[in-house]
Amino acid sequence: MKPRGADRADLAACFVVRAAVLAPSVHNTQPWRFVERADGLELWADRARLLPVADPSGRELFISCGAALFNARLAVRRLGFTSGVRLLPDPAYPDLLARITWGTRTAPRPYEELLYRTIPRRHTHRGRFLATPLPPMLAIVLAGIARCEGADLHVVKDGAQRRRLAEHVQAAEAVRLRDPRIAGELLAWTVPPGGERPDGLASGSDPSPADGLRFPSRNADAGAPWELRHGAGGRPTGGEAAEGMVAVLTTREDRRVDWLLAGQALQHVLLHATTLDVSAAFHTQPLELPYLRAAVRRDLVYGHPQMVVRLGHAARRLQSRRRPVADVLSGEREPGRLSRRPERQGR
């Protein structure tokens, strides 16, 4: 089935993509494109937004697109349809990540409605959290949610493991500050003060590097030609600061399809947390360096690490930039414009 009439179908596609683009993405690159079809939508990777230094394999690009796919699934349900999703449906088009088709008419469940309404409220946090306790069963619930999406979420409770993970994040951030290629790539996706581009990281959104946090956020302004005074952007107000719950999202295998599953699991976890006013901070720096990613896997004995996150209550939420729907949604694909060369890595 599909929404009746061409106009309704176009409106439905815009509705779905408008929700999809609110997903998190590495450096806020928003590396996705959507193509409207008569029976649904296609999700494509936008290789022009790949980070060739930090993410040469496209792993984080796929995770970002997987998060957008989960939002799209929720939006389809909000419209009153089941959604059929095929991951990597055509080997001839390696950048075709998913095909979403309109299913039967079925009213969304209350939980799906709740998650959909939460999409605009989810924002990435940087810096410390408030000391407000998290819900006691949150770790167990989020782990179950991740498993339902084909991934695993491991809360790092052991003090020694948590310390080693923090050391890996610190080491990766130190490498980034020393390596002009990595620093330059991040700087290219940092919006200068007063800039109006609809993507990238806003300058000055990071907490002061001297805030004492064991899990440092990326300092997007390091080496920038503009001067910024770090205020209390990462410091919560009205109480003691906290590190929050530390967790690692993993998959059993490390294929492209697993990266898409990880992205969907990540977004489901984030949205459920947001319904409880719990925010997330990302610390993927060590996972962008092969030897440190291997060290994280070895130390935690979990499988293939895809994301490192902290969860907690934030004093404020920063608004992130988003590209308009018209920039990422197009009509039926033009075969001559898209690469048919399959990637060597398997699904």
Protein backbone atom coordinates (compact mmCIF):
# COMPACT_ATOMS: atom_id res chain seq x y z
CA MET A 1 0.00 0.00 0.00
CA LYS A 2 0.99 3.65 -0.25
CA PRO A 3 -0.52 7.06 0.45
CA ARG A 4 -3.13 7.70 -2.23
CA GLY A 5 -2.44 10.35 -4.85
CA ALA A 6 0.80 11.84 -6.05
CA ASP A 7 0.46 14.90 -3.84
CA ARG A 8 -0.15 12.81 -0.73
CA ALA A 9 2.79 10.57 -1.58
CA ASP A 10 5.05 13.60 -1.93
CA LEU A 11 3.84 14.98 1.38
CA ALA A 12 4.39 11.61 3.03
CA ALA A 13 7.94 11.40 1.71
CA CYS A 14 8.70 14.90 3.00
CA PHE A 15 7.16 14.01 6.36
CA VAL A 16 9.37 10.93 6.70
CA VAL A 17 12.57 12.64 5.58
CA ARG A 18 11.91 15.63 7.85
CA ALA A 19 12.08 13.23 10.80
CA ALA A 20 15.01 11.26 9.40
CA VAL A 21 17.33 14.27 9.07
CA LEU A 22 17.07 14.97 12.81
CA ALA A 23 19.26 11.94 13.53
CA PRO A 24 22.77 12.42 14.92
CA SER A 25 25.75 12.07 12.58
CA VAL A 26 29.52 12.18 12.89
CA HIS A 27 30.66 15.84 12.95
CA ASN A 28 27.03 16.61 12.01
CA THR A 29 27.95 15.82 8.40
CA GLN A 30 24.41 14.51 7.74
CA PRO A 31 25.75 12.05 5.13
CA TRP A 32 22.47 10.81 3.71
CA ARG A 33 20.30 11.22 0.64
CA PHE A 34 16.75 10.03 0.12
CA VAL A 35 15.10 9.12 -3.15
CA GLU A 36 11.32 8.99 -3.42
CA ARG A 37 9.84 6.00 -5.19
CA ALA A 38 6.29 5.01 -6.00
CA ASP A 39 6.31 2.38 -3.26
CA GLY A 40 8.39 4.20 -0.65
CA LEU A 41 11.85 5.69 -0.19
CA GLU A 42 15.48 4.77 -0.72
CA LEU A 43 18.26 5.76 1.65
CA TRP A 44 21.61 6.47 0.00
CA ALA A 45 25.01 7.27 1.45
CA ASP A 46 26.29 10.69 0.44
CA ARG A 47 29.96 9.94 -0.20
CA ALA A 48 30.72 13.62 -0.68
CA ARG A 49 30.26 13.89 3.10
CA LEU A 50 32.56 11.02 4.00
CA LEU A 51 35.42 11.83 6.40
CA PRO A 52 38.41 10.36 4.52
CA VAL A 53 40.81 10.70 7.47
CA ALA A 54 38.67 9.85 10.50
CA ASP A 55 36.29 7.44 8.74
CA PRO A 56 37.90 6.04 5.56
CA SER A 57 35.86 2.81 5.66
CA GLY A 58 32.58 4.70 6.05
CA ARG A 59 31.74 2.92 9.30
CA GLU A 60 30.56 6.07 11.08
CA LEU A 61 28.81 7.25 7.91
CA PHE A 62 26.81 4.00 7.90
CA ILE A 63 26.02 4.32 11.61
CA SER A 64 24.80 7.88 11.02
CA CYS A 65 22.58 6.72 8.17
CA GLY A 66 21.30 3.85 10.31
CA ALA A 67 20.17 6.39 12.91
CA ALA A 68 18.35 8.35 10.20
CA LEU A 69 16.75 5.10 9.03
CA PHE A 70 15.32 4.45 12.49
CA ASN A 71 13.74 7.91 12.51
CA ALA A 72 12.30 7.22 9.08
CA ARG A 73 10.79 3.97 10.35
CA LEU A 74 9.12 5.85 13.20
CA ALA A 75 7.75 8.49 10.84
CA VAL A 76 6.22 5.83 8.59
CA ARG A 77 4.54 4.31 11.63
CA ARG A 78 3.32 7.77 12.67
CA LEU A 79 1.59 8.04 9.29
CA GLY A 80 -0.26 4.82 10.08
CA PHE A 81 1.65 2.33 7.93
CA THR A 82 3.87 -0.60 8.70
CA SER A 83 7.27 -0.24 7.07
CA GLY A 84 9.14 -2.80 5.06
CA VAL A 85 12.90 -2.25 5.28
CA ARG A 86 15.55 -4.02 3.21
CA LEU A 87 19.15 -3.26 4.09
CA LEU A 88 21.72 -3.13 1.28
CA PRO A 89 19.12 -4.36 -1.22
CA ASP A 90 21.14 -4.10 -4.45
CA PRO A 91 24.83 -5.11 -4.67
CA ALA A 92 25.08 -3.20 -7.94
CA TYR A 93 24.55 0.01 -5.95
CA PRO A 94 26.85 -0.15 -2.89
CA ASP A 95 25.73 3.27 -1.69
CA LEU A 96 22.07 2.22 -1.63
CA LEU A 97 21.82 1.49 2.09
CA ALA A 98 18.14 0.70 2.53
CA ARG A 99 14.83 0.55 0.76
CA ILE A 100 11.77 1.53 2.80
CA THR A 101 8.36 0.49 1.46
CA TRP A 102 4.86 1.40 2.56
CA GLY A 103 3.20 -1.58 4.23
CA THR A 104 -0.32 -2.19 5.46
CA ARG A 105 -2.35 0.42 7.29
CA THR A 106 -1.86 -0.08 11.02
CA ALA A 107 -2.23 2.55 13.72
CA PRO A 108 1.01 3.30 15.59
CA ARG A 109 1.36 1.96 19.12
CA PRO A 110 1.57 4.46 22.00
CA TYR A 111 5.29 3.74 22.48
CA GLU A 112 5.97 4.45 18.81
CA GLU A 113 4.03 7.71 19.11
CA LEU A 114 6.11 8.64 22.15
CA LEU A 115 9.41 7.95 20.39
CA TYR A 116 8.30 9.88 17.32
CA ARG A 117 7.37 12.94 19.40
CA THR A 118 10.76 12.70 21.09
CA ILE A 119 12.77 12.99 17.85
CA PRO A 120 13.03 16.82 17.88
CA ARG A 121 14.01 16.84 21.57
CA ARG A 122 17.06 14.60 21.21
CA HIS A 123 20.30 16.55 21.09
CA THR A 124 23.92 15.59 21.61
CA HIS A 125 25.47 16.77 24.86
CA ARG A 126 29.10 17.75 25.44
CA GLY A 127 30.83 17.99 28.79
CA ARG A 128 29.61 17.01 32.23
CA PHE A 129 26.18 15.95 33.40
CA LEU A 130 24.17 16.89 36.44
CA ALA A 131 24.53 14.63 39.46
CA THR A 132 20.80 13.81 39.29
CA PRO A 133 20.49 9.99 39.55
CA LEU A 134 19.44 8.05 36.48
CA PRO A 135 16.40 5.75 36.53
CA PRO A 136 17.47 2.53 38.33
CA MET A 137 16.46 0.15 35.51
CA LEU A 138 17.71 2.34 32.65
CA ALA A 139 20.81 0.26 31.87
CA ILE A 140 18.81 -2.97 31.62
CA VAL A 141 16.07 -1.40 29.52
CA LEU A 142 18.51 0.22 27.07
CA ALA A 143 20.45 -3.02 26.71
CA GLY A 144 17.23 -4.81 25.78
CA ILE A 145 16.36 -2.10 23.25
CA ALA A 146 19.77 -2.43 21.58
CA ARG A 147 19.38 -6.21 21.34
CA CYS A 148 16.00 -5.80 19.64
CA GLU A 149 17.76 -3.77 16.92
CA GLY A 150 20.59 -6.29 16.40
CA ALA A 151 23.31 -4.76 18.60
CA ASP A 152 24.47 -4.87 22.23
CA LEU A 153 24.85 -2.06 24.74
CA HIS A 154 27.31 -2.74 27.54
CA VAL A 155 27.37 -0.44 30.55
CA VAL A 156 30.94 -0.15 31.85
CA LYS A 157 30.59 -0.48 35.60
CA ASP A 158 33.96 -1.98 36.47
CA GLY A 159 36.26 0.80 37.70
CA ALA A 160 39.38 -0.54 36.00
CA GLN A 161 37.64 -1.02 32.66
CA ARG A 162 36.11 2.42 32.88
CA ARG A 163 39.50 3.95 33.62
CA ARG A 164 41.12 2.18 30.66
CA LEU A 165 38.32 3.28 28.34
CA ALA A 166 38.76 6.88 29.51
CA GLU A 167 42.49 6.59 28.86
CA HIS A 168 41.80 5.43 25.30
CA VAL A 169 39.53 8.45 24.73
CA GLN A 170 42.18 10.77 26.16
CA ALA A 171 44.91 9.18 24.00
CA ALA A 172 42.80 9.50 20.85
CA GLU A 173 42.01 13.14 21.55
CA ALA A 174 45.72 13.82 22.11
CA VAL A 175 46.53 12.21 18.74
CA ARG A 176 43.86 14.33 17.07
CA LEU A 177 45.32 17.52 18.48
CA ARG A 178 48.78 16.56 17.20
CA ASP A 179 47.77 15.28 13.76
CA PRO A 180 47.08 18.18 11.38
CA ARG A 181 45.08 15.95 9.02
CA ILE A 182 42.60 14.88 11.71
CA ALA A 183 42.42 18.34 13.25
CA GLY A 184 42.00 19.94 9.84
CA GLU A 185 39.18 17.59 8.88
CA LEU A 186 37.27 18.42 12.06
CA LEU A 187 37.94 22.11 11.58
CA ALA A 188 36.51 21.89 8.05
CA TRP A 189 33.23 20.74 9.62
CA THR A 190 33.24 23.42 12.34
CA VAL A 191 31.07 26.45 11.65
CA PRO A 192 32.82 29.78 12.44
CA PRO A 193 31.09 32.24 14.75
CA GLY A 194 28.19 33.79 12.88
CA GLY A 195 28.26 31.11 10.18
CA GLU A 196 24.94 30.02 8.75
CA ARG A 197 25.70 26.71 7.04
CA PRO A 198 23.05 24.06 7.83
CA ASP A 199 25.50 21.34 8.86
CA GLY A 200 28.68 20.90 10.86
CA LEU A 201 29.53 21.64 14.49
CA ALA A 202 28.88 25.06 15.94
CA SER A 203 32.03 26.77 17.21
CA GLY A 204 32.09 27.35 20.93
CA SER A 205 29.73 24.43 21.63
CA ASP A 206 32.43 22.40 23.38
CA PRO A 207 33.18 22.66 27.08
CA SER A 208 36.47 24.01 28.29
CA PRO A 209 39.24 21.40 27.97
CA ALA A 210 40.16 22.23 31.57
CA ASP A 211 36.86 21.04 33.04
CA GLY A 212 38.53 17.94 34.45
CA LEU A 213 36.35 15.41 32.66
CA ARG A 214 37.98 11.99 32.21
CA PHE A 215 36.11 11.50 28.93
CA PRO A 216 36.99 14.64 26.95
CA SER A 217 34.67 15.88 24.24
CA ARG A 218 36.11 16.79 20.87
CA ASN A 219 37.51 20.30 20.94
CA ALA A 220 36.27 21.45 17.56
CA ASP A 221 37.84 24.90 17.99
CA ALA A 222 41.40 23.65 18.49
CA GLY A 223 43.60 25.34 15.91
CA ALA A 224 40.76 27.51 14.63
CA PRO A 225 41.69 30.93 13.20
CA TRP A 226 39.03 32.57 15.34
CA GLU A 227 39.41 33.27 19.04
CA LEU A 228 36.84 31.99 21.48
CA ARG A 229 36.51 32.30 25.17
CA HIS A 230 35.30 29.07 26.68
CA GLY A 231 32.61 29.79 29.17
CA ALA A 232 30.66 27.27 31.13
CA GLY A 233 29.18 25.62 28.05
CA GLY A 234 29.99 22.12 29.31
CA ARG A 235 29.40 22.83 32.98
CA PRO A 236 25.97 22.15 34.38
CA THR A 237 24.51 24.73 36.69
CA GLY A 238 22.64 24.22 39.92
CA GLY A 239 24.42 21.15 41.32
CA GLU A 240 27.41 18.87 41.34
CA ALA A 241 28.78 17.73 37.99
CA ALA A 242 28.90 14.04 37.05
CA GLU A 243 30.40 11.76 34.43
CA GLY A 244 27.19 9.84 33.88
CA MET A 245 26.62 6.26 32.77
CA VAL A 246 29.35 5.04 30.42
CA ALA A 247 28.41 2.46 27.78
CA VAL A 248 29.79 0.85 24.63
CA LEU A 249 27.55 -0.14 21.72
CA THR A 250 28.85 -3.25 19.94
CA THR A 251 27.93 -5.70 17.19
CA ARG A 252 28.89 -9.35 16.77
CA GLU A 253 30.32 -8.79 13.30
CA ASP A 254 31.87 -5.71 11.71
CA ARG A 255 30.25 -5.60 8.27
CA ARG A 256 28.39 -2.79 6.55
CA VAL A 257 25.05 -4.31 7.52
CA ASP A 258 26.19 -4.40 11.17
CA TRP A 259 27.03 -0.70 11.03
CA LEU A 260 23.48 0.03 9.83
CA LEU A 261 22.07 -2.11 12.63
CA ALA A 262 24.28 -0.27 15.12
CA GLY A 263 22.93 3.08 13.91
CA GLN A 264 19.33 1.98 14.33
CA ALA A 265 20.07 0.56 17.77
CA LEU A 266 21.86 3.75 18.77
CA GLN A 267 18.94 5.98 17.77
CA HIS A 268 16.39 3.76 19.48
CA VAL A 269 18.48 3.90 22.67
CA LEU A 270 18.89 7.67 22.42
CA LEU A 271 15.21 8.34 21.85
CA HIS A 272 14.12 6.11 24.72
CA ALA A 273 16.63 7.87 26.97
CA THR A 274 15.31 11.25 25.84
CA THR A 275 11.78 10.29 26.91
CA LEU A 276 13.28 10.20 30.43
CA ASP A 277 15.13 13.52 29.97
CA VAL A 278 18.42 11.65 29.68
CA SER A 279 20.94 12.98 27.14
CA ALA A 280 23.97 11.35 25.53
CA ALA A 281 27.53 12.44 24.85
CA PHE A 282 29.58 10.64 22.19
CA HIS A 283 33.25 9.68 22.51
CA THR A 284 34.09 7.93 19.25
CA GLN A 285 37.65 9.29 19.05
CA PRO A 286 39.41 5.98 19.93
CA LEU A 287 37.21 4.04 17.51
CA GLU A 288 38.55 6.17 14.63
CA LEU A 289 42.11 4.94 15.21
CA PRO A 290 42.45 1.20 14.35
CA TYR A 291 44.95 0.37 17.10
CA LEU A 292 42.87 2.08 19.79
CA ARG A 293 39.67 0.51 18.54
CA ALA A 294 41.39 -2.86 18.81
CA ALA A 295 42.48 -1.94 22.35
CA VAL A 296 38.91 -1.06 23.34
CA ARG A 297 37.72 -4.40 22.02
CA ARG A 298 40.53 -6.26 23.79
CA ASP A 299 40.08 -4.52 27.13
CA LEU A 300 36.29 -4.77 27.28
CA VAL A 301 35.91 -8.21 25.61
CA TYR A 302 32.59 -7.25 24.07
CA GLY A 303 32.69 -7.76 20.31
CA HIS A 304 33.18 -5.00 17.76
CA PRO A 305 32.83 -1.57 19.40
CA GLN A 306 30.81 0.86 17.30
CA MET A 307 30.06 3.74 19.70
CA VAL A 308 31.22 4.97 23.11
CA VAL A 309 28.57 7.03 24.91
CA ARG A 310 27.90 8.64 28.26
CA LEU A 311 24.33 9.10 29.47
CA GLY A 312 23.07 11.55 32.05
CA HIS A 313 20.87 14.52 32.82
CA ALA A 314 21.98 17.74 31.12
CA ALA A 315 21.36 21.28 32.29
CA ARG A 316 20.60 22.44 28.77
CA ARG A 317 20.27 21.16 25.21
CA LEU A 318 22.06 22.77 22.30
CA GLN A 319 20.20 23.16 19.03
CA SER A 320 22.00 21.44 16.15
CA ARG A 321 21.96 22.55 12.52
CA ARG A 322 19.99 20.61 9.92
CA ARG A 323 19.82 20.66 6.15
CA PRO A 324 16.36 21.32 4.69
CA VAL A 325 14.41 18.40 3.29
CA ALA A 326 14.74 19.78 -0.26
CA ASP A 327 18.53 19.33 -0.04
CA VAL A 328 18.38 15.62 0.73
CA LEU A 329 15.21 14.36 -0.99
CA SER A 330 14.89 13.81 -4.74
CA GLY A 331 12.67 11.92 -7.17
CA GLU A 332 13.33 8.60 -8.88
CA ARG A 333 17.06 8.00 -9.21
CA GLU A 334 18.89 8.60 -12.44
CA PRO A 335 20.91 5.41 -13.04
CA GLY A 336 23.69 7.19 -14.89
CA ARG A 337 24.48 9.43 -11.94
CA LEU A 338 25.17 6.71 -9.39
CA SER A 339 28.06 4.34 -9.09
CA ARG A 340 27.46 0.66 -9.83
CA ARG A 341 30.89 -0.41 -8.60
CA PRO A 342 30.40 -2.79 -5.66
CA GLU A 343 32.64 -2.28 -2.65
CA ARG A 344 35.10 -5.00 -1.85
CA GLN A 345 34.01 -5.29 1.77
CA GLY A 346 31.17 -7.73 2.29
CA ARG A 347 27.82 -7.02 3.79
